[in-house]
C-alpha cells in the first residue's frame, strides 16, 4: 500500500465557508483566527475538535493572510494530508476522477468542488508538473477539497492500472472521440474519468491505459471548453445517468 502523503509546506486558508469545511474534515488544523462578528458557529466547531481559536483585529488577519480576501476568518494547517491511492480505489462512490497534469490551481479547485458535489470516491492527481493542494485550490473549491479523498501519486500510469484492478473502468475525456459521454454513460459502471491538463491533454501512456474514450458534443465553431467545465459536464454525465431498462 502506498504511504499517505502530505503537502510540502504549511497551508493558510481563508474565508468562513472554507474554514467551516476544514473543521468538518479530519485534516490537521493548528489554529483558527476570527474577527468577532465573523465567527458564527466556528468557535463551537473548533472547540469540538479542541483546536485553538483566537479573536483578533483586522490588522492581525491581514498579516496572517496578506493579499487574501479573508472574510474575517483564517486557519492554518501544518500540512495537507493526502489519501492513499488504495483508499481511493477501494472507496464507495459514484466515480473516481484522475486529473492528469492540471497546472492551474483555480481549475483544480473547481474540479474538486464538482467532484465533491457529484459524490466521487476520490480524485487522483500527479505529484510532478501539476498543481497540488494549495491555499488557492482550497479557496477555488470553496473548501470542498477537505471533503474529498485526494491521492497524490508519483506515477499516473501505474495508478490507472491499480484503479482498473480495483474494478474501475477508465474513461478518457478526449476531444473528437467517436462516442460522447452521454451515450457512453449507460454502458459503464464504476467509471474513472480521466482528464488531461490545460493545452496538452491526456498524456499518451495514460491514454493507452483507458478502456474508453469519450467526447463532449460541441456546436460548430467551438473546439474546446475550459478543463474544469469539461470535467464537470463529463462527470455528471457519467454519474447521474438514467438507469438501465
C-alpha atoms as a PDB file:
ATOM      1  CA  UNK A   1       0.000   0.000   0.000  1.00  0.00           C
ATOM      2  CA  UNK A   2       1.302   3.467  -0.879  1.00  0.00           C
ATOM      3  CA  UNK A   3       2.066   5.736   2.033  1.00  0.00           C
ATOM      4  CA  UNK A   4      -0.187   8.646   2.808  1.00  0.00           C
ATOM      5  CA  UNK A   5       1.427  11.846   1.516  1.00  0.00           C
ATOM      6  CA  UNK A   6       1.438  15.428   2.702  1.00  0.00           C
ATOM      7  CA  UNK A   7       1.981  18.860   1.286  1.00  0.00           C
ATOM      8  CA  UNK A   8       5.488  20.260   1.404  1.00  0.00           C
ATOM      9  CA  UNK A   9       4.570  23.323   3.438  1.00  0.00           C
ATOM     10  CA  UNK A  10       2.198  24.904   5.916  1.00  0.00           C
ATOM     11  CA  UNK A  11      -1.165  25.802   4.420  1.00  0.00           C
ATOM     12  CA  UNK A  12      -3.028  29.005   5.351  1.00  0.00           C
ATOM     13  CA  UNK A  13      -6.652  29.118   4.226  1.00  0.00           C
ATOM     14  CA  UNK A  14      -9.187  31.923   4.456  1.00  0.00           C
ATOM     15  CA  UNK A  15     -12.923  32.505   4.389  1.00  0.00           C
ATOM     16  CA  UNK A  16     -15.728  31.334   6.663  1.00  0.00           C
ATOM     17  CA  UNK A  17     -17.046  28.615   4.355  1.00  0.00           C
ATOM     18  CA  UNK A  18     -13.586  27.249   3.595  1.00  0.00           C
ATOM     19  CA  UNK A  19     -12.671  27.059   7.285  1.00  0.00           C
ATOM     20  CA  UNK A  20     -16.048  25.542   8.148  1.00  0.00           C
ATOM     21  CA  UNK A  21     -15.398  22.738   5.650  1.00  0.00           C
ATOM     22  CA  UNK A  22     -11.906  22.330   7.047  1.00  0.00           C
ATOM     23  CA  UNK A  23     -13.174  21.956  10.611  1.00  0.00           C
ATOM     24  CA  UNK A  24     -15.700  19.357   9.450  1.00  0.00           C
ATOM     25  CA  UNK A  25     -12.875  17.259   7.968  1.00  0.00           C
ATOM     26  CA  UNK A  26     -10.164  15.127   9.543  1.00  0.00           C
ATOM     27  CA  UNK A  27      -7.363  17.375   8.270  1.00  0.00           C
ATOM     28  CA  UNK A  28      -4.949  18.631  10.947  1.00  0.00           C
ATOM     29  CA  UNK A  29      -5.534  22.255  11.997  1.00  0.00           C
ATOM     30  CA  UNK A  30      -3.120  24.262  14.139  1.00  0.00           C
ATOM     31  CA  UNK A  31      -5.194  27.330  14.912  1.00  0.00           C
ATOM     32  CA  UNK A  32      -8.114  29.476  13.751  1.00  0.00           C
ATOM     33  CA  UNK A  33      -8.279  33.269  13.907  1.00  0.00           C
ATOM     34  CA  UNK A  34     -11.540  35.173  13.605  1.00  0.00           C
ATOM     35  CA  UNK A  35     -12.820  38.723  13.659  1.00  0.00           C
ATOM     36  CA  UNK A  36     -15.533  38.841  16.334  1.00  0.00           C
ATOM     37  CA  UNK A  37     -18.582  39.333  14.138  1.00  0.00           C
ATOM     38  CA  UNK A  38     -17.431  36.794  11.570  1.00  0.00           C
ATOM     39  CA  UNK A  39     -17.155  33.873  13.977  1.00  0.00           C
ATOM     40  CA  UNK A  40     -20.677  32.402  13.711  1.00  0.00           C
ATOM     41  CA  UNK A  41     -20.590  28.698  14.565  1.00  0.00           C
ATOM     42  CA  UNK A  42     -16.820  28.416  14.130  1.00  0.00           C
ATOM     43  CA  UNK A  43     -15.941  28.639  17.864  1.00  0.00           C
ATOM     44  CA  UNK A  44     -18.175  25.656  18.613  1.00  0.00           C
ATOM     45  CA  UNK A  45     -16.772  23.690  15.681  1.00  0.00           C
ATOM     46  CA  UNK A  46     -13.197  24.448  16.710  1.00  0.00           C
ATOM     47  CA  UNK A  47     -13.917  23.564  20.335  1.00  0.00           C
ATOM     48  CA  UNK A  48     -15.394  20.214  19.289  1.00  0.00           C
ATOM     49  CA  UNK A  49     -12.034  19.351  17.731  1.00  0.00           C
ATOM     50  CA  UNK A  50     -10.018  21.032  20.510  1.00  0.00           C
ATOM     51  CA  UNK A  51      -8.470  23.461  18.044  1.00  0.00           C
ATOM     52  CA  UNK A  52      -7.375  26.833  19.447  1.00  0.00           C
ATOM     53  CA  UNK A  53      -9.479  29.741  18.169  1.00  0.00           C
ATOM     54  CA  UNK A  54      -8.452  33.345  18.738  1.00  0.00           C
ATOM     55  CA  UNK A  55     -10.469  36.526  18.208  1.00  0.00           C
ATOM     56  CA  UNK A  56      -8.237  39.192  16.653  1.00  0.00           C
ATOM     57  CA  UNK A  57      -8.408  42.535  14.898  1.00  0.00           C
ATOM     58  CA  UNK A  58      -8.300  43.171  11.145  1.00  0.00           C
ATOM     59  CA  UNK A  59      -4.604  44.082  11.217  1.00  0.00           C
ATOM     60  CA  UNK A  60      -3.683  40.638  12.524  1.00  0.00           C
ATOM     61  CA  UNK A  61      -5.869  38.910   9.933  1.00  0.00           C
ATOM     62  CA  UNK A  62      -4.303  40.980   7.154  1.00  0.00           C
ATOM     63  CA  UNK A  63      -0.855  39.973   8.364  1.00  0.00           C
ATOM     64  CA  UNK A  64      -1.805  36.295   8.513  1.00  0.00           C
ATOM     65  CA  UNK A  65      -3.322  36.317   5.026  1.00  0.00           C
ATOM     66  CA  UNK A  66      -1.550  39.041   3.017  1.00  0.00           C
ATOM     67  CA  UNK A  67      -3.476  39.944  -0.098  1.00  0.00           C
ATOM     68  CA  UNK A  68      -6.236  37.456   0.666  1.00  0.00           C
ATOM     69  CA  UNK A  69      -9.952  38.163   0.939  1.00  0.00           C
ATOM     70  CA  UNK A  70     -10.123  36.517   4.350  1.00  0.00           C
ATOM     71  CA  UNK A  71     -13.740  37.491   5.232  1.00  0.00           C
ATOM     72  CA  UNK A  72     -12.673  37.746   8.838  1.00  0.00           C
ATOM     73  CA  UNK A  73     -11.570  34.107   9.161  1.00  0.00           C
ATOM     74  CA  UNK A  74      -8.125  32.493   8.779  1.00  0.00           C
ATOM     75  CA  UNK A  75      -6.935  28.978   9.629  1.00  0.00           C
ATOM     76  CA  UNK A  76      -3.547  27.301   9.437  1.00  0.00           C
ATOM     77  CA  UNK A  77      -2.805  23.657   8.668  1.00  0.00           C
ATOM     78  CA  UNK A  78       0.638  22.270   9.486  1.00  0.00           C
ATOM     79  CA  UNK A  79       0.267  20.178   6.330  1.00  0.00           C
ATOM     80  CA  UNK A  80      -2.399  18.793   3.998  1.00  0.00           C
ATOM     81  CA  UNK A  81      -2.784  15.025   4.291  1.00  0.00           C
ATOM     82  CA  UNK A  82      -3.345  13.233   1.007  1.00  0.00           C
ATOM     83  CA  UNK A  83      -5.220   9.934   0.851  1.00  0.00           C
ATOM     84  CA  UNK A  84      -3.658   6.642  -0.145  1.00  0.00           C
ATOM     85  CA  UNK A  85      -4.378   5.526  -3.697  1.00  0.00           C
ATOM     86  CA  UNK A  86      -5.643   2.246  -2.242  1.00  0.00           C
ATOM     87  CA  UNK A  87      -8.078   4.204  -0.105  1.00  0.00           C
ATOM     88  CA  UNK A  88      -9.490   5.959  -3.184  1.00  0.00           C
ATOM     89  CA  UNK A  89      -9.605   2.767  -5.261  1.00  0.00           C
ATOM     90  CA  UNK A  90     -11.483   0.884  -2.566  1.00  0.00           C
ATOM     91  CA  UNK A  91     -13.894   3.602  -1.508  1.00  0.00           C
ATOM     92  CA  UNK A  92     -17.594   3.726  -2.254  1.00  0.00           C
ATOM     93  CA  UNK A  93     -18.645   6.476  -4.638  1.00  0.00           C
ATOM     94  CA  UNK A  94     -20.203   7.233  -7.989  1.00  0.00           C
ATOM     95  CA  UNK A  95     -16.868   7.636  -9.763  1.00  0.00           C
ATOM     96  CA  UNK A  96     -13.175   8.392  -9.488  1.00  0.00           C
ATOM     97  CA  UNK A  97     -11.526  11.345 -11.216  1.00  0.00           C
ATOM     98  CA  UNK A  98      -7.939  11.153 -12.498  1.00  0.00           C
ATOM     99  CA  UNK A  99      -6.511  14.603 -13.226  1.00  0.00           C
ATOM    100  CA  UNK A 100      -3.504  14.123 -15.482  1.00  0.00           C
ATOM    101  CA  UNK A 101      -1.490  17.300 -15.175  1.00  0.00           C
ATOM    102  CA  UNK A 102      -3.796  20.265 -14.479  1.00  0.00           C
ATOM    103  CA  UNK A 103      -1.441  23.088 -13.510  1.00  0.00           C
ATOM    104  CA  UNK A 104      -3.809  25.965 -12.778  1.00  0.00           C
ATOM    105  CA  UNK A 105      -4.859  25.805  -9.093  1.00  0.00           C
ATOM    106  CA  UNK A 106      -8.149  27.545  -9.896  1.00  0.00           C
ATOM    107  CA  UNK A 107      -9.001  24.784 -12.360  1.00  0.00           C
ATOM    108  CA  UNK A 108      -8.028  22.081  -9.878  1.00  0.00           C
ATOM    109  CA  UNK A 109     -10.100  23.735  -7.163  1.00  0.00           C
ATOM    110  CA  UNK A 110     -13.144  23.900  -9.431  1.00  0.00           C
ATOM    111  CA  UNK A 111     -12.727  20.235 -10.379  1.00  0.00           C
ATOM    112  CA  UNK A 112     -12.510  19.222  -6.718  1.00  0.00           C
ATOM    113  CA  UNK A 113     -15.636  21.200  -5.874  1.00  0.00           C
ATOM    114  CA  UNK A 114     -17.576  19.449  -8.641  1.00  0.00           C
ATOM    115  CA  UNK A 115     -16.137  16.082  -7.629  1.00  0.00           C
ATOM    116  CA  UNK A 116     -17.384  16.578  -4.073  1.00  0.00           C
ATOM    117  CA  UNK A 117     -20.822  17.595  -5.337  1.00  0.00           C
ATOM    118  CA  UNK A 118     -21.017  14.542  -7.613  1.00  0.00           C
ATOM    119  CA  UNK A 119     -20.217  12.151  -4.776  1.00  0.00           C
ATOM    120  CA  UNK A 120     -16.982  10.672  -6.081  1.00  0.00           C
ATOM    121  CA  UNK A 121     -14.883   8.081  -4.276  1.00  0.00           C
ATOM    122  CA  UNK A 122     -11.830  10.260  -4.736  1.00  0.00           C
ATOM    123  CA  UNK A 123      -9.566  12.265  -7.019  1.00  0.00           C
ATOM    124  CA  UNK A 124      -6.083  11.266  -8.196  1.00  0.00           C
ATOM    125  CA  UNK A 125      -3.507  13.919  -9.090  1.00  0.00           C
ATOM    126  CA  UNK A 126       0.166  13.622 -10.083  1.00  0.00           C
ATOM    127  CA  UNK A 127       2.947  14.798  -7.804  1.00  0.00           C
ATOM    128  CA  UNK A 128       5.055  16.363 -10.568  1.00  0.00           C
ATOM    129  CA  UNK A 129       4.287  19.047 -13.165  1.00  0.00           C
ATOM    130  CA  UNK A 130       0.816  19.635 -11.773  1.00  0.00           C
ATOM    131  CA  UNK A 131      -0.896  21.661  -9.081  1.00  0.00           C
ATOM    132  CA  UNK A 132      -1.126  20.126  -5.646  1.00  0.00           C
ATOM    133  CA  UNK A 133      -3.474  21.280  -2.902  1.00  0.00           C
ATOM    134  CA  UNK A 134      -2.681  24.908  -2.127  1.00  0.00           C
ATOM    135  CA  UNK A 135      -4.468  27.811  -0.479  1.00  0.00           C
ATOM    136  CA  UNK A 136      -5.722  28.889  -3.904  1.00  0.00           C
ATOM    137  CA  UNK A 137      -7.078  25.398  -4.564  1.00  0.00           C
ATOM    138  CA  UNK A 138      -8.844  25.409  -1.192  1.00  0.00           C
ATOM    139  CA  UNK A 139     -10.444  28.765  -1.942  1.00  0.00           C
ATOM    140  CA  UNK A 140     -11.424  27.847  -5.515  1.00  0.00           C
ATOM    141  CA  UNK A 141     -13.048  24.667  -4.234  1.00  0.00           C
ATOM    142  CA  UNK A 142     -14.996  26.658  -1.605  1.00  0.00           C
ATOM    143  CA  UNK A 143     -13.339  24.396   0.954  1.00  0.00           C
ATOM    144  CA  UNK A 144     -14.722  21.199  -0.581  1.00  0.00           C
ATOM    145  CA  UNK A 145     -11.209  19.889  -1.143  1.00  0.00           C
ATOM    146  CA  UNK A 146     -11.323  19.000   2.549  1.00  0.00           C
ATOM    147  CA  UNK A 147     -14.287  16.701   1.941  1.00  0.00           C
ATOM    148  CA  UNK A 148     -12.763  14.742  -0.954  1.00  0.00           C
ATOM    149  CA  UNK A 149     -10.185  11.956  -0.848  1.00  0.00           C
ATOM    150  CA  UNK A 150      -7.260  13.328  -2.858  1.00  0.00           C
ATOM    151  CA  UNK A 151      -4.430  10.929  -3.695  1.00  0.00           C
ATOM    152  CA  UNK A 152      -1.213  12.469  -4.972  1.00  0.00           C
ATOM    153  CA  UNK A 153       0.783   9.881  -6.922  1.00  0.00           C
ATOM    154  CA  UNK A 154       4.223   9.657  -8.484  1.00  0.00           C
ATOM    155  CA  UNK A 155       3.112   7.545 -11.454  1.00  0.00           C
ATOM    156  CA  UNK A 156      -0.295   8.147 -13.046  1.00  0.00           C
ATOM    157  CA  UNK A 157       0.057   5.192 -15.430  1.00  0.00           C
ATOM    158  CA  UNK A 158       0.571   2.693 -12.597  1.00  0.00           C
ATOM    159  CA  UNK A 159      -2.224   4.371 -10.640  1.00  0.00           C
ATOM    160  CA  UNK A 160      -4.594   3.875 -13.576  1.00  0.00           C
ATOM    161  CA  UNK A 161      -3.662   0.209 -13.655  1.00  0.00           C
ATOM    162  CA  UNK A 162      -4.354  -0.073  -9.923  1.00  0.00           C
ATOM    163  CA  UNK A 163      -7.776   1.519 -10.383  1.00  0.00           C
ATOM    164  CA  UNK A 164      -8.598  -0.959 -13.141  1.00  0.00           C
ATOM    165  CA  UNK A 165      -7.551  -3.848 -10.918  1.00  0.00           C
ATOM    166  CA  UNK A 166      -9.919  -2.497  -8.260  1.00  0.00           C
ATOM    167  CA  UNK A 167     -12.836  -2.639 -10.714  1.00  0.00           C
ATOM    168  CA  UNK A 168     -12.961   0.904 -12.089  1.00  0.00           C
ATOM    169  CA  UNK A 169     -13.404   1.482 -15.841  1.00  0.00           C
ATOM    170  CA  UNK A 170     -11.177   4.259 -17.169  1.00  0.00           C
ATOM    171  CA  UNK A 171     -12.906   6.781 -19.438  1.00  0.00           C
ATOM    172  CA  UNK A 172     -10.599   9.237 -21.210  1.00  0.00           C
ATOM    173  CA  UNK A 173     -12.174  12.582 -21.999  1.00  0.00           C
ATOM    174  CA  UNK A 174     -10.811  13.261 -25.491  1.00  0.00           C
ATOM    175  CA  UNK A 175     -11.904  15.905 -27.980  1.00  0.00           C
ATOM    176  CA  UNK A 176     -13.260  14.352 -31.153  1.00  0.00           C
ATOM    177  CA  UNK A 177     -13.782  10.852 -29.737  1.00  0.00           C
ATOM    178  CA  UNK A 178     -16.410   8.924 -31.689  1.00  0.00           C
ATOM    179  CA  UNK A 179     -18.629   8.331 -28.644  1.00  0.00           C
ATOM    180  CA  UNK A 180     -19.864  11.124 -26.429  1.00  0.00           C
ATOM    181  CA  UNK A 181     -20.078  10.908 -22.647  1.00  0.00           C
ATOM    182  CA  UNK A 182     -23.873  10.957 -22.682  1.00  0.00           C
ATOM    183  CA  UNK A 183     -24.111   7.947 -24.962  1.00  0.00           C
ATOM    184  CA  UNK A 184     -21.356   6.092 -23.133  1.00  0.00           C
ATOM    185  CA  UNK A 185     -22.743   6.653 -19.655  1.00  0.00           C
ATOM    186  CA  UNK A 186     -25.248   3.810 -19.678  1.00  0.00           C
ATOM    187  CA  UNK A 187     -22.567   1.272 -20.627  1.00  0.00           C
ATOM    188  CA  UNK A 188     -20.046   1.982 -17.871  1.00  0.00           C
ATOM    189  CA  UNK A 189     -20.417   1.007 -14.239  1.00  0.00           C
ATOM    190  CA  UNK A 190     -17.892   2.435 -11.766  1.00  0.00           C
ATOM    191  CA  UNK A 191     -16.344   4.974 -14.166  1.00  0.00           C
ATOM    192  CA  UNK A 192     -12.988   6.595 -13.520  1.00  0.00           C
ATOM    193  CA  UNK A 193     -12.963   9.806 -15.558  1.00  0.00           C
ATOM    194  CA  UNK A 194      -9.513  10.711 -16.875  1.00  0.00           C
ATOM    195  CA  UNK A 195      -8.958  14.327 -17.851  1.00  0.00           C
ATOM    196  CA  UNK A 196      -5.828  15.944 -19.218  1.00  0.00           C
ATOM    197  CA  UNK A 197      -4.012  19.161 -18.453  1.00  0.00           C
ATOM    198  CA  UNK A 198      -4.589  22.560 -19.981  1.00  0.00           C
ATOM    199  CA  UNK A 199      -3.463  22.533 -23.591  1.00  0.00           C
ATOM    200  CA  UNK A 200      -1.547  19.237 -23.558  1.00  0.00           C
ATOM    201  CA  UNK A 201      -4.459  16.948 -22.731  1.00  0.00           C
ATOM    202  CA  UNK A 202      -4.032  13.366 -21.536  1.00  0.00           C
ATOM    203  CA  UNK A 203      -0.525  12.003 -21.964  1.00  0.00           C
ATOM    204  CA  UNK A 204      -0.242   9.122 -24.487  1.00  0.00           C
ATOM    205  CA  UNK A 205       0.843   6.468 -21.971  1.00  0.00           C
ATOM    206  CA  UNK A 206      -2.082   7.354 -19.707  1.00  0.00           C
ATOM    207  CA  UNK A 207      -4.478   7.365 -22.664  1.00  0.00           C
ATOM    208  CA  UNK A 208      -3.335   3.865 -23.648  1.00  0.00           C
ATOM    209  CA  UNK A 209      -4.444   2.512 -20.261  1.00  0.00           C
ATOM    210  CA  UNK A 210      -8.005   3.787 -20.661  1.00  0.00           C
ATOM    211  CA  UNK A 211     -10.860   1.437 -21.502  1.00  0.00           C
ATOM    212  CA  UNK A 212     -12.978   4.018 -23.328  1.00  0.00           C
ATOM    213  CA  UNK A 213     -12.604   7.407 -24.994  1.00  0.00           C
ATOM    214  CA  UNK A 214     -15.462   9.880 -24.938  1.00  0.00           C
ATOM    215  CA  UNK A 215     -16.049  13.448 -26.014  1.00  0.00           C
ATOM    216  CA  UNK A 216     -18.424  16.279 -25.186  1.00  0.00           C
ATOM    217  CA  UNK A 217     -20.651  17.323 -28.114  1.00  0.00           C
ATOM    218  CA  UNK A 218     -19.744  20.775 -29.410  1.00  0.00           C
ATOM    219  CA  UNK A 219     -21.582  23.233 -31.623  1.00  0.00           C
ATOM    220  CA  UNK A 220     -19.842  24.060 -34.915  1.00  0.00           C
ATOM    221  CA  UNK A 221     -17.029  26.543 -34.425  1.00  0.00           C
ATOM    222  CA  UNK A 222     -16.312  25.560 -30.791  1.00  0.00           C
ATOM    223  CA  UNK A 223     -13.237  23.390 -30.356  1.00  0.00           C
ATOM    224  CA  UNK A 224     -12.879  23.061 -26.609  1.00  0.00           C
ATOM    225  CA  UNK A 225     -14.013  24.047 -23.122  1.00  0.00           C
ATOM    226  CA  UNK A 226     -12.140  25.076 -20.012  1.00  0.00           C
ATOM    227  CA  UNK A 227     -10.837  21.894 -18.403  1.00  0.00           C
ATOM    228  CA  UNK A 228     -12.812  22.343 -15.188  1.00  0.00           C
ATOM    229  CA  UNK A 229     -16.038  22.977 -17.114  1.00  0.00           C
ATOM    230  CA  UNK A 230     -15.441  19.945 -19.323  1.00  0.00           C
ATOM    231  CA  UNK A 231     -14.685  17.803 -16.281  1.00  0.00           C
ATOM    232  CA  UNK A 232     -17.940  18.876 -14.641  1.00  0.00           C
ATOM    233  CA  UNK A 233     -20.067  18.084 -17.685  1.00  0.00           C
ATOM    234  CA  UNK A 234     -18.452  14.685 -18.209  1.00  0.00           C
ATOM    235  CA  UNK A 235     -18.536  13.747 -14.535  1.00  0.00           C
ATOM    236  CA  UNK A 236     -22.245  14.432 -14.196  1.00  0.00           C
ATOM    237  CA  UNK A 237     -22.986  12.676 -17.481  1.00  0.00           C
ATOM    238  CA  UNK A 238     -21.267   9.557 -16.151  1.00  0.00           C
ATOM    239  CA  UNK A 239     -22.538   9.635 -12.585  1.00  0.00           C
ATOM    240  CA  UNK A 240     -26.141  10.827 -12.926  1.00  0.00           C
ATOM    241  CA  UNK A 241     -27.227   8.750 -15.877  1.00  0.00           C
ATOM    242  CA  UNK A 242     -30.682   7.292 -16.309  1.00  0.00           C
ATOM    243  CA  UNK A 243     -30.997   3.706 -15.004  1.00  0.00           C
ATOM    244  CA  UNK A 244     -30.797   0.843 -17.494  1.00  0.00           C
ATOM    245  CA  UNK A 245     -34.013  -0.895 -18.557  1.00  0.00           C
END
